N, C-alpha and C. Protein backbone atom coordinates (compact mmCIF):
# COMPACT_ATOMS: atom_id res chain seq x y z
N MET A 1 5.42 -80.20 106.58
CA MET A 1 5.34 -81.19 107.56
C MET A 1 4.93 -82.27 106.90
N LEU A 2 5.53 -83.75 106.95
CA LEU A 2 4.98 -84.97 106.63
C LEU A 2 4.02 -85.57 107.26
N SER A 3 2.89 -86.01 106.28
CA SER A 3 1.74 -86.72 107.09
C SER A 3 2.10 -87.87 107.41
N ASP A 4 1.45 -88.61 108.59
CA ASP A 4 1.75 -89.95 108.98
C ASP A 4 2.09 -90.84 108.14
N ALA A 5 1.27 -90.92 106.98
CA ALA A 5 1.29 -91.84 105.74
C ALA A 5 2.57 -91.83 105.28
N GLU A 6 3.17 -90.87 105.02
CA GLU A 6 4.38 -90.30 104.29
C GLU A 6 5.51 -90.37 105.19
N ILE A 7 5.45 -90.39 106.57
CA ILE A 7 6.24 -90.70 107.18
C ILE A 7 6.56 -92.49 107.45
N ARG A 8 5.57 -93.01 107.53
CA ARG A 8 5.46 -94.73 107.46
C ARG A 8 6.00 -95.28 106.17
N GLN A 9 5.42 -94.37 105.17
CA GLN A 9 6.25 -95.12 103.92
C GLN A 9 7.88 -94.71 103.94
N LYS A 10 8.16 -93.81 104.28
CA LYS A 10 9.48 -93.50 104.31
C LYS A 10 10.12 -94.46 105.26
N ILE A 11 9.81 -94.79 106.42
CA ILE A 11 10.23 -95.68 107.10
C ILE A 11 10.29 -97.12 106.70
N LYS A 12 9.64 -97.51 105.90
CA LYS A 12 9.30 -98.94 105.48
C LYS A 12 10.31 -99.00 104.35
N GLU A 13 10.61 -97.88 103.27
CA GLU A 13 11.49 -98.04 102.11
C GLU A 13 12.93 -98.17 103.23
N MET A 14 12.74 -97.37 104.22
CA MET A 14 14.39 -97.32 104.87
C MET A 14 14.88 -98.85 105.38
N ILE A 15 13.65 -99.06 105.86
CA ILE A 15 14.23 -100.37 106.68
C ILE A 15 14.09 -101.51 105.65
N VAL A 16 13.80 -101.84 104.23
CA VAL A 16 13.65 -102.50 103.37
C VAL A 16 15.18 -102.24 102.81
N GLU A 17 15.60 -101.24 102.44
CA GLU A 17 17.23 -100.65 102.00
C GLU A 17 17.83 -101.24 103.06
N ARG A 18 17.79 -100.58 104.24
CA ARG A 18 19.03 -100.97 104.94
C ARG A 18 19.16 -102.32 105.64
N LEU A 19 18.29 -103.17 105.63
CA LEU A 19 18.37 -104.24 106.25
C LEU A 19 18.28 -105.52 105.00
N PHE A 20 18.00 -105.07 103.94
CA PHE A 20 18.44 -105.85 102.74
C PHE A 20 17.27 -106.70 102.67
N LEU A 21 15.96 -106.29 102.90
CA LEU A 21 14.84 -107.11 102.88
C LEU A 21 14.36 -107.36 101.95
N ASP A 22 14.01 -109.11 101.27
CA ASP A 22 13.36 -109.41 100.29
C ASP A 22 11.86 -109.27 100.56
N VAL A 23 11.28 -107.87 100.38
CA VAL A 23 9.89 -107.66 100.63
C VAL A 23 9.89 -106.44 100.03
N ALA A 24 8.46 -105.96 99.33
CA ALA A 24 8.18 -104.46 98.88
C ALA A 24 7.65 -103.78 100.27
N PRO A 25 8.25 -102.65 100.30
CA PRO A 25 7.76 -101.73 101.33
C PRO A 25 6.15 -101.67 101.58
N ALA A 26 5.44 -101.74 100.67
CA ALA A 26 4.36 -101.72 100.71
C ALA A 26 3.50 -102.77 101.58
N ASP A 27 4.46 -103.91 101.62
CA ASP A 27 3.77 -105.28 102.02
C ASP A 27 4.38 -105.31 103.45
N ILE A 28 5.06 -104.46 103.85
CA ILE A 28 5.10 -104.27 105.51
C ILE A 28 3.95 -103.43 106.31
N GLY A 29 3.28 -104.62 106.97
CA GLY A 29 2.18 -103.97 107.88
C GLY A 29 2.30 -103.16 108.61
N ASP A 30 1.69 -101.91 108.86
CA ASP A 30 1.84 -100.87 110.00
C ASP A 30 2.30 -101.32 111.38
N ASP A 31 1.44 -102.28 111.68
CA ASP A 31 1.06 -103.32 113.31
C ASP A 31 1.84 -104.56 113.35
N GLU A 32 2.66 -104.62 111.93
CA GLU A 32 3.46 -106.02 112.06
C GLU A 32 4.51 -106.09 112.94
N SER A 33 4.70 -107.07 113.81
CA SER A 33 6.00 -107.08 114.80
C SER A 33 7.28 -107.11 113.78
N LEU A 34 7.96 -106.44 113.73
CA LEU A 34 9.35 -106.32 113.00
C LEU A 34 10.26 -107.37 113.38
N PRO A 35 10.44 -107.47 114.80
CA PRO A 35 11.26 -108.22 115.24
C PRO A 35 11.03 -109.84 114.92
N GLU A 36 9.75 -110.23 115.15
CA GLU A 36 8.93 -111.41 114.89
C GLU A 36 8.91 -111.88 113.18
N LYS A 37 8.54 -110.86 112.67
CA LYS A 37 8.33 -111.40 111.17
C LYS A 37 9.51 -111.36 110.29
N TYR A 38 10.60 -110.29 110.61
CA TYR A 38 11.46 -110.15 109.84
C TYR A 38 12.92 -110.48 110.47
N ASN A 39 12.98 -110.99 111.91
CA ASN A 39 14.16 -111.37 112.39
C ASN A 39 14.95 -110.19 112.98
N ILE A 40 14.28 -109.24 113.48
CA ILE A 40 15.23 -107.90 113.76
C ILE A 40 15.77 -107.92 115.20
N ASP A 41 17.08 -107.79 115.14
CA ASP A 41 17.81 -107.71 116.33
C ASP A 41 18.47 -106.64 116.88
N SER A 42 19.22 -106.56 117.70
CA SER A 42 19.48 -105.37 118.21
C SER A 42 20.71 -104.72 117.09
N VAL A 43 21.29 -105.52 116.29
CA VAL A 43 22.45 -104.79 115.40
C VAL A 43 21.27 -104.35 114.36
N ASN A 44 20.38 -104.81 113.47
CA ASN A 44 19.43 -104.04 112.94
C ASN A 44 18.79 -102.93 113.55
N LEU A 45 18.57 -103.02 114.87
CA LEU A 45 17.72 -101.94 115.46
C LEU A 45 18.82 -100.79 115.12
N PHE A 46 19.80 -100.91 115.49
CA PHE A 46 21.23 -100.01 115.30
C PHE A 46 20.85 -99.42 113.92
N GLU A 47 20.76 -100.24 112.87
CA GLU A 47 21.02 -99.88 111.70
C GLU A 47 19.71 -99.15 111.56
N ILE A 48 18.70 -99.39 112.07
CA ILE A 48 17.39 -98.70 111.73
C ILE A 48 17.27 -97.09 112.41
N VAL A 49 17.82 -97.39 113.49
CA VAL A 49 18.10 -95.82 114.24
C VAL A 49 18.81 -95.12 113.32
N VAL A 50 20.17 -95.33 112.38
CA VAL A 50 20.93 -94.43 111.96
C VAL A 50 19.96 -94.14 111.16
N GLY A 51 19.31 -95.27 110.03
CA GLY A 51 18.51 -94.78 109.16
C GLY A 51 17.70 -93.89 109.42
N LEU A 52 16.81 -93.86 110.59
CA LEU A 52 16.01 -92.86 110.73
C LEU A 52 16.42 -91.41 111.08
N GLU A 53 17.90 -91.46 111.68
CA GLU A 53 18.46 -90.23 111.83
C GLU A 53 18.74 -89.53 110.40
N GLU A 54 19.38 -90.23 109.59
CA GLU A 54 19.84 -89.92 108.35
C GLU A 54 18.36 -89.12 107.71
N VAL A 55 17.43 -90.41 107.50
CA VAL A 55 16.22 -89.92 106.42
C VAL A 55 15.76 -88.81 106.99
N PHE A 56 15.38 -88.27 108.20
CA PHE A 56 14.48 -87.60 108.73
C PHE A 56 15.27 -86.46 109.42
N GLY A 57 16.69 -86.21 109.74
CA GLY A 57 17.34 -85.42 110.29
C GLY A 57 17.14 -85.28 111.78
N ILE A 58 16.61 -86.50 112.28
CA ILE A 58 16.65 -86.51 114.12
C ILE A 58 17.45 -87.00 114.39
N THR A 59 17.73 -86.84 115.79
CA THR A 59 18.46 -87.27 116.87
C THR A 59 17.95 -88.00 117.79
N LEU A 60 18.04 -89.10 118.14
CA LEU A 60 17.48 -90.12 119.26
C LEU A 60 18.56 -90.16 120.01
N ALA A 61 17.82 -90.06 121.42
CA ALA A 61 18.63 -90.21 122.89
C ALA A 61 18.68 -91.53 123.12
N ASP A 62 19.53 -92.15 124.06
CA ASP A 62 19.39 -93.65 124.46
C ASP A 62 18.15 -94.06 124.95
N GLU A 63 17.76 -93.20 125.81
CA GLU A 63 16.81 -93.27 126.46
C GLU A 63 15.59 -93.57 125.69
N GLU A 64 15.39 -93.20 124.56
CA GLU A 64 14.43 -93.44 123.91
C GLU A 64 14.44 -94.90 122.86
N LEU A 65 15.30 -95.38 123.09
CA LEU A 65 15.68 -96.48 122.44
C LEU A 65 15.29 -97.74 122.87
N SER A 66 14.33 -98.60 122.45
CA SER A 66 14.07 -99.78 122.97
C SER A 66 13.32 -100.60 121.95
N VAL A 67 13.73 -102.01 122.08
CA VAL A 67 12.60 -102.98 121.27
C VAL A 67 11.31 -102.68 121.12
N GLU A 68 10.70 -102.39 122.30
CA GLU A 68 9.37 -102.29 121.93
C GLU A 68 8.85 -100.94 121.47
N ALA A 69 9.63 -99.80 121.76
CA ALA A 69 9.25 -98.49 120.91
C ALA A 69 9.52 -98.78 119.15
N PHE A 70 10.53 -99.70 119.06
CA PHE A 70 10.77 -100.12 117.52
C PHE A 70 10.22 -101.20 116.97
N SER A 71 9.47 -101.71 117.61
CA SER A 71 8.82 -103.39 117.45
C SER A 71 7.73 -103.02 116.32
N THR A 72 7.16 -102.04 115.86
CA THR A 72 6.30 -101.82 114.58
C THR A 72 6.53 -100.52 113.63
N VAL A 73 6.40 -100.36 112.80
CA VAL A 73 6.19 -99.33 111.78
C VAL A 73 5.27 -98.27 112.33
N ALA A 74 4.28 -98.42 112.86
CA ALA A 74 3.56 -97.25 113.58
C ALA A 74 3.99 -96.84 114.57
N LYS A 75 4.58 -97.93 115.54
CA LYS A 75 5.60 -97.32 116.74
C LYS A 75 6.39 -96.59 116.42
N ILE A 76 7.61 -96.75 115.49
CA ILE A 76 8.44 -95.94 115.07
C ILE A 76 8.05 -94.50 114.49
N ALA A 77 6.91 -94.76 113.89
CA ALA A 77 6.30 -93.16 113.18
C ALA A 77 6.07 -92.67 114.16
N GLU A 78 5.58 -93.21 115.57
CA GLU A 78 5.12 -92.16 116.44
C GLU A 78 6.25 -91.31 117.02
N VAL A 79 7.23 -92.11 117.01
CA VAL A 79 8.57 -91.68 117.61
C VAL A 79 9.24 -90.46 116.96
N VAL A 80 9.03 -90.95 115.38
CA VAL A 80 9.81 -89.89 114.53
C VAL A 80 8.93 -88.68 114.36
N ALA A 81 7.45 -88.77 114.15
CA ALA A 81 6.47 -87.58 114.20
C ALA A 81 6.65 -86.73 115.52
N ARG A 82 6.96 -87.37 116.73
CA ARG A 82 7.03 -86.41 117.85
C ARG A 82 8.69 -85.70 117.73
N LYS A 83 9.30 -86.40 117.07
CA LYS A 83 10.66 -85.63 117.08
C LYS A 83 10.52 -84.51 116.03
N LEU A 84 9.75 -84.83 115.03
CA LEU A 84 9.51 -83.68 114.05
C LEU A 84 8.46 -82.67 114.20
N SER A 85 7.93 -82.69 115.25
CA SER A 85 7.01 -81.68 115.60
C SER A 85 7.79 -80.27 116.68
């Protein structure tokens, strides 16, 4: 099982890769507002969800998808950890 730190690192790497962000994954703060800092919109959110499903082998139901639940790396990591447990 992955540690919380490993989950957060994989999420950051995936976000940078899928959204073509010009930032190092390590520079994304766990509690930083992704929509505000990186202008993440609903299209980007969809890319993140697809990335999570591919990287972690999880499936996210529609009712689990909200801007609030995906607003920070820490919140995304909570969703992923819950799915992996």
